[in-house]
C-alpha atoms as a PDB file:
ATOM      1  CA  UNK A   1       2.522  27.444 -12.777  1.00  0.00           C
ATOM      2  CA  UNK A   2       6.350  27.410 -13.656  1.00  0.00           C
ATOM      3  CA  UNK A   3       7.410  28.626 -10.168  1.00  0.00           C
ATOM      4  CA  UNK A   4       4.608  26.383  -8.594  1.00  0.00           C
ATOM      5  CA  UNK A   5       5.701  23.304 -10.707  1.00  0.00           C
ATOM      6  CA  UNK A   6       9.561  24.111  -9.153  1.00  0.00           C
ATOM      7  CA  UNK A   7       8.139  24.681  -5.871  1.00  0.00           C
ATOM      8  CA  UNK A   8       6.555  21.121  -5.694  1.00  0.00           C
ATOM      9  CA  UNK A   9       9.805  19.537  -7.683  1.00  0.00           C
ATOM     10  CA  UNK A  10       7.532  18.636 -10.856  1.00  0.00           C
ATOM     11  CA  UNK A  11       7.971  19.916 -14.207  1.00  0.00           C
ATOM     12  CA  UNK A  12       5.568  22.388 -15.581  1.00  0.00           C
ATOM     13  CA  UNK A  13       4.458  20.052 -18.389  1.00  0.00           C
ATOM     14  CA  UNK A  14       3.670  17.463 -15.701  1.00  0.00           C
ATOM     15  CA  UNK A  15       1.977  19.745 -13.619  1.00  0.00           C
ATOM     16  CA  UNK A  16      -0.177  20.823 -16.616  1.00  0.00           C
ATOM     17  CA  UNK A  17      -1.443  17.368 -17.238  1.00  0.00           C
ATOM     18  CA  UNK A  18      -2.533  16.675 -13.928  1.00  0.00           C
ATOM     19  CA  UNK A  19      -4.609  20.228 -13.660  1.00  0.00           C
ATOM     20  CA  UNK A  20      -6.050  18.806 -16.975  1.00  0.00           C
ATOM     21  CA  UNK A  21      -7.046  15.209 -15.874  1.00  0.00           C
ATOM     22  CA  UNK A  22      -4.594  13.751 -18.173  1.00  0.00           C
ATOM     23  CA  UNK A  23      -2.314  12.231 -15.582  1.00  0.00           C
ATOM     24  CA  UNK A  24      -3.026  10.881 -11.962  1.00  0.00           C
ATOM     25  CA  UNK A  25      -0.161  12.136  -9.619  1.00  0.00           C
ATOM     26  CA  UNK A  26       1.437   9.513  -7.854  1.00  0.00           C
ATOM     27  CA  UNK A  27       1.739  10.121  -3.835  1.00  0.00           C
ATOM     28  CA  UNK A  28       4.956  11.538  -3.877  1.00  0.00           C
ATOM     29  CA  UNK A  29       3.901  14.239  -6.307  1.00  0.00           C
ATOM     30  CA  UNK A  30       0.847  14.940  -4.441  1.00  0.00           C
ATOM     31  CA  UNK A  31       2.741  15.258  -1.111  1.00  0.00           C
ATOM     32  CA  UNK A  32       5.165  18.019  -3.019  1.00  0.00           C
ATOM     33  CA  UNK A  33       2.298  19.370  -4.246  1.00  0.00           C
ATOM     34  CA  UNK A  34       1.011  19.862  -0.841  1.00  0.00           C
ATOM     35  CA  UNK A  35       4.372  20.878   0.792  1.00  0.00           C
ATOM     36  CA  UNK A  36       4.116  23.810  -1.956  1.00  0.00           C
ATOM     37  CA  UNK A  37       0.801  24.968  -0.916  1.00  0.00           C
ATOM     38  CA  UNK A  38       2.024  24.525   2.839  1.00  0.00           C
ATOM     39  CA  UNK A  39      -1.075  22.056   3.761  1.00  0.00           C
ATOM     40  CA  UNK A  40      -1.052  18.536   4.736  1.00  0.00           C
ATOM     41  CA  UNK A  41      -1.231  15.913   1.778  1.00  0.00           C
ATOM     42  CA  UNK A  42      -4.230  14.726   4.077  1.00  0.00           C
ATOM     43  CA  UNK A  43      -6.061  18.172   3.579  1.00  0.00           C
ATOM     44  CA  UNK A  44      -5.095  17.941  -0.050  1.00  0.00           C
ATOM     45  CA  UNK A  45      -6.648  15.005  -0.934  1.00  0.00           C
ATOM     46  CA  UNK A  46     -10.003  15.484   1.294  1.00  0.00           C
ATOM     47  CA  UNK A  47     -10.058  19.001  -0.948  1.00  0.00           C
ATOM     48  CA  UNK A  48      -9.816  16.763  -4.389  1.00  0.00           C
ATOM     49  CA  UNK A  49     -12.790  14.574  -2.659  1.00  0.00           C
ATOM     50  CA  UNK A  50     -10.037  11.697  -2.609  1.00  0.00           C
ATOM     51  CA  UNK A  51      -9.342   9.525   0.454  1.00  0.00           C
ATOM     52  CA  UNK A  52      -5.761   9.576   1.406  1.00  0.00           C
ATOM     53  CA  UNK A  53      -3.481   6.442   0.808  1.00  0.00           C
ATOM     54  CA  UNK A  54      -4.018   3.559   3.570  1.00  0.00           C
ATOM     55  CA  UNK A  55      -7.522   5.539   4.334  1.00  0.00           C
ATOM     56  CA  UNK A  56     -10.625   3.547   4.027  1.00  0.00           C
ATOM     57  CA  UNK A  57     -12.710   5.117   1.275  1.00  0.00           C
ATOM     58  CA  UNK A  58     -16.532   5.905   2.172  1.00  0.00           C
ATOM     59  CA  UNK A  59     -18.129   3.722  -0.500  1.00  0.00           C
ATOM     60  CA  UNK A  60     -15.247   1.290  -1.830  1.00  0.00           C
ATOM     61  CA  UNK A  61     -17.342  -1.211  -3.716  1.00  0.00           C
ATOM     62  CA  UNK A  62     -15.463  -0.224  -6.891  1.00  0.00           C
ATOM     63  CA  UNK A  63     -12.324  -0.782  -5.234  1.00  0.00           C
ATOM     64  CA  UNK A  64     -13.000  -3.690  -3.404  1.00  0.00           C
ATOM     65  CA  UNK A  65     -14.005  -5.487  -6.885  1.00  0.00           C
ATOM     66  CA  UNK A  66     -10.930  -4.154  -8.287  1.00  0.00           C
ATOM     67  CA  UNK A  67      -8.597  -5.761  -5.407  1.00  0.00           C
ATOM     68  CA  UNK A  68     -10.567  -8.914  -5.350  1.00  0.00           C
ATOM     69  CA  UNK A  69     -10.146  -9.474  -9.011  1.00  0.00           C
ATOM     70  CA  UNK A  70      -7.117 -11.990  -9.593  1.00  0.00           C
ATOM     71  CA  UNK A  71      -7.049 -12.092 -13.243  1.00  0.00           C
ATOM     72  CA  UNK A  72      -5.319  -8.496 -13.030  1.00  0.00           C
ATOM     73  CA  UNK A  73      -1.795  -8.154 -11.919  1.00  0.00           C
ATOM     74  CA  UNK A  74      -1.022  -5.745  -9.163  1.00  0.00           C
ATOM     75  CA  UNK A  75       0.554  -2.989 -11.481  1.00  0.00           C
ATOM     76  CA  UNK A  76      -3.222  -3.213 -13.540  1.00  0.00           C
ATOM     77  CA  UNK A  77      -4.763  -2.839 -10.056  1.00  0.00           C
ATOM     78  CA  UNK A  78      -3.114   0.276  -8.940  1.00  0.00           C
ATOM     79  CA  UNK A  79      -3.641   1.809 -12.293  1.00  0.00           C
ATOM     80  CA  UNK A  80      -7.317   1.004 -12.127  1.00  0.00           C
ATOM     81  CA  UNK A  81      -7.611   2.282  -8.662  1.00  0.00           C
ATOM     82  CA  UNK A  82      -5.795   5.693  -9.815  1.00  0.00           C
ATOM     83  CA  UNK A  83      -8.009   5.600 -12.712  1.00  0.00           C
ATOM     84  CA  UNK A  84     -11.495   5.483 -10.819  1.00  0.00           C
ATOM     85  CA  UNK A  85     -10.126   7.664  -7.978  1.00  0.00           C
ATOM     86  CA  UNK A  86      -9.504  10.270 -10.483  1.00  0.00           C
ATOM     87  CA  UNK A  87     -12.627  10.143 -11.835  1.00  0.00           C
ATOM     88  CA  UNK A  88     -14.509  10.317  -8.323  1.00  0.00           C
ATOM     89  CA  UNK A  89     -12.329  13.210  -7.537  1.00  0.00           C
ATOM     90  CA  UNK A  90     -13.372  14.894 -10.507  1.00  0.00           C
ATOM     91  CA  UNK A  91     -17.102  14.319 -10.346  1.00  0.00           C
ATOM     92  CA  UNK A  92     -19.382  16.595  -9.667  1.00  0.00           C
ATOM     93  CA  UNK A  93     -20.601  15.251  -6.176  1.00  0.00           C
ATOM     94  CA  UNK A  94     -16.814  15.339  -5.053  1.00  0.00           C
ATOM     95  CA  UNK A  95     -16.311  19.097  -5.725  1.00  0.00           C
ATOM     96  CA  UNK A  96     -19.729  20.120  -3.953  1.00  0.00           C
ATOM     97  CA  UNK A  97     -18.356  17.385  -0.949  1.00  0.00           C
ATOM     98  CA  UNK A  98     -15.149  19.400  -0.782  1.00  0.00           C
ATOM     99  CA  UNK A  99     -16.828  23.068  -1.006  1.00  0.00           C
END
């Protein structure tokens, strides 16, 4: 774990939090992890059952609702998107799709 975290350019405790689902990694961190795994970041997103940044997700009603809610700040929208995508990636359906 320590060697991998170093290869990815992140701390071991942060990698552990990502692994346990306590943190949603940023795009930059995911790119570092993809580089350490020697796969493209798009491949990593696909295997996690997530859409790559800028890619249109298959079912985006929730993301559309988050984007449309003008009561939220841009930072709140980004946080909600990250939480939603993390939950979707950890859902049993997402695991079956990527397997």
